[in-house]
Amino acid sequence: MIVDDLKDTSALGTQVGGTHYTDLKIQPLELTYQNFGYTGAKAAIYTKVNKYLTRQKDDELEQLKKARHCIDLLIQFKIRDGE
């Protein structure tokens, strides 16, 4: 599957709290998936979700949305793997 085909129609085409990932030609988590497959992406996403859920910031709602977005990415990668 071509990355550009996914950019605007998926979790990879959205971002919570900025555009620093969606502005890239390939996002870091997509690169992780391409190099290490679903298992590697799952490990990276687990770490990111844990980070967002344990941050002590004033914008807790935004942190929860970021964690949910990471789960949406993981679901997308699982579907891509043929679930």
Protein backbone atom coordinates (compact mmCIF):
# COMPACT_ATOMS: atom_id res chain seq x y z
CA MET A 1 0.00 0.00 0.00
CA ILE A 2 1.39 3.41 -0.92
CA VAL A 3 1.82 5.84 1.98
CA ASP A 4 0.47 8.83 0.02
CA ASP A 5 -2.79 6.94 -0.56
CA LEU A 6 -3.31 6.73 3.21
CA LYS A 7 -2.30 10.25 4.20
CA ASP A 8 -5.64 12.02 3.78
CA THR A 9 -8.07 9.16 4.42
CA SER A 10 -6.78 7.68 7.65
CA ALA A 11 -5.40 8.29 11.09
CA LEU A 12 -2.12 9.12 9.35
CA GLY A 13 -3.84 12.10 7.74
CA THR A 14 -4.80 13.64 11.08
CA GLN A 15 -2.93 14.88 14.12
CA VAL A 16 -3.91 16.17 17.55
CA GLY A 17 -2.05 19.28 18.68
CA GLY A 18 -0.25 20.52 15.59
CA THR A 19 0.94 19.46 12.16
CA HIS A 20 4.57 18.56 12.81
CA TYR A 21 3.94 14.90 11.87
CA THR A 22 1.37 15.30 9.10
CA ASP A 23 3.66 17.79 7.34
CA LEU A 24 6.30 15.09 6.90
CA LYS A 25 6.49 12.93 3.77
CA ILE A 26 6.39 9.85 6.02
CA GLN A 27 5.41 10.00 9.67
CA PRO A 28 7.65 8.41 12.33
CA LEU A 29 5.10 5.74 13.27
CA GLU A 30 4.58 4.86 9.60
CA LEU A 31 8.34 4.51 9.25
CA THR A 32 8.40 2.26 12.33
CA TYR A 33 5.63 0.13 10.80
CA GLN A 34 7.45 -0.08 7.46
CA ASN A 35 10.72 -1.17 9.14
CA PHE A 36 9.49 -3.34 12.01
CA GLY A 37 5.96 -4.37 11.06
CA TYR A 38 2.90 -4.43 13.25
CA THR A 39 4.75 -5.71 16.32
CA GLY A 40 7.27 -2.87 16.19
CA ALA A 41 4.56 -0.28 15.66
CA LYS A 42 2.56 -1.76 18.55
CA ALA A 43 5.56 -1.43 20.89
CA ALA A 44 6.18 2.18 19.82
CA ILE A 45 2.51 3.08 20.16
CA TYR A 46 2.30 1.43 23.60
CA THR A 47 5.12 3.71 24.73
CA LYS A 48 3.47 6.82 23.27
CA VAL A 49 0.06 6.02 24.81
CA ASN A 50 1.69 5.45 28.19
CA LYS A 51 3.49 8.80 27.87
CA TYR A 52 0.27 10.66 27.06
CA LEU A 53 -1.67 9.01 29.87
CA THR A 54 0.93 9.78 32.52
CA ARG A 55 1.82 13.37 31.56
CA GLN A 56 1.11 15.97 34.20
CA LYS A 57 -0.06 18.81 31.97
CA ASP A 58 -2.89 21.31 32.15
CA ASP A 59 -4.34 20.04 28.88
CA GLU A 60 -5.30 16.55 30.04
CA LEU A 61 -8.11 16.32 27.47
CA GLU A 62 -5.65 16.90 24.63
CA GLN A 63 -3.34 14.24 26.06
CA LEU A 64 -6.25 11.77 26.10
CA LYS A 65 -7.05 12.65 22.47
CA LYS A 66 -3.42 12.04 21.53
CA ALA A 67 -3.51 8.64 23.22
CA ARG A 68 -6.74 7.77 21.38
CA HIS A 69 -5.21 8.87 18.08
CA CYS A 70 -2.29 6.51 18.69
CA ILE A 71 -4.74 3.65 19.22
CA ASP A 72 -6.47 4.63 15.94
CA LEU A 73 -3.09 4.36 14.21
CA LEU A 74 -2.53 0.91 15.72
CA ILE A 75 -5.97 -0.21 14.52
CA GLN A 76 -5.11 1.03 11.04
CA PHE A 77 -1.82 -0.89 11.03
CA LYS A 78 -3.62 -4.05 12.23
CA ILE A 79 -6.18 -3.76 9.44
CA ARG A 80 -3.39 -3.24 6.95
CA ASP A 81 -1.82 -6.47 8.18
CA GLY A 82 -4.99 -8.29 7.18
CA GLU A 83 -6.93 -8.65 10.42
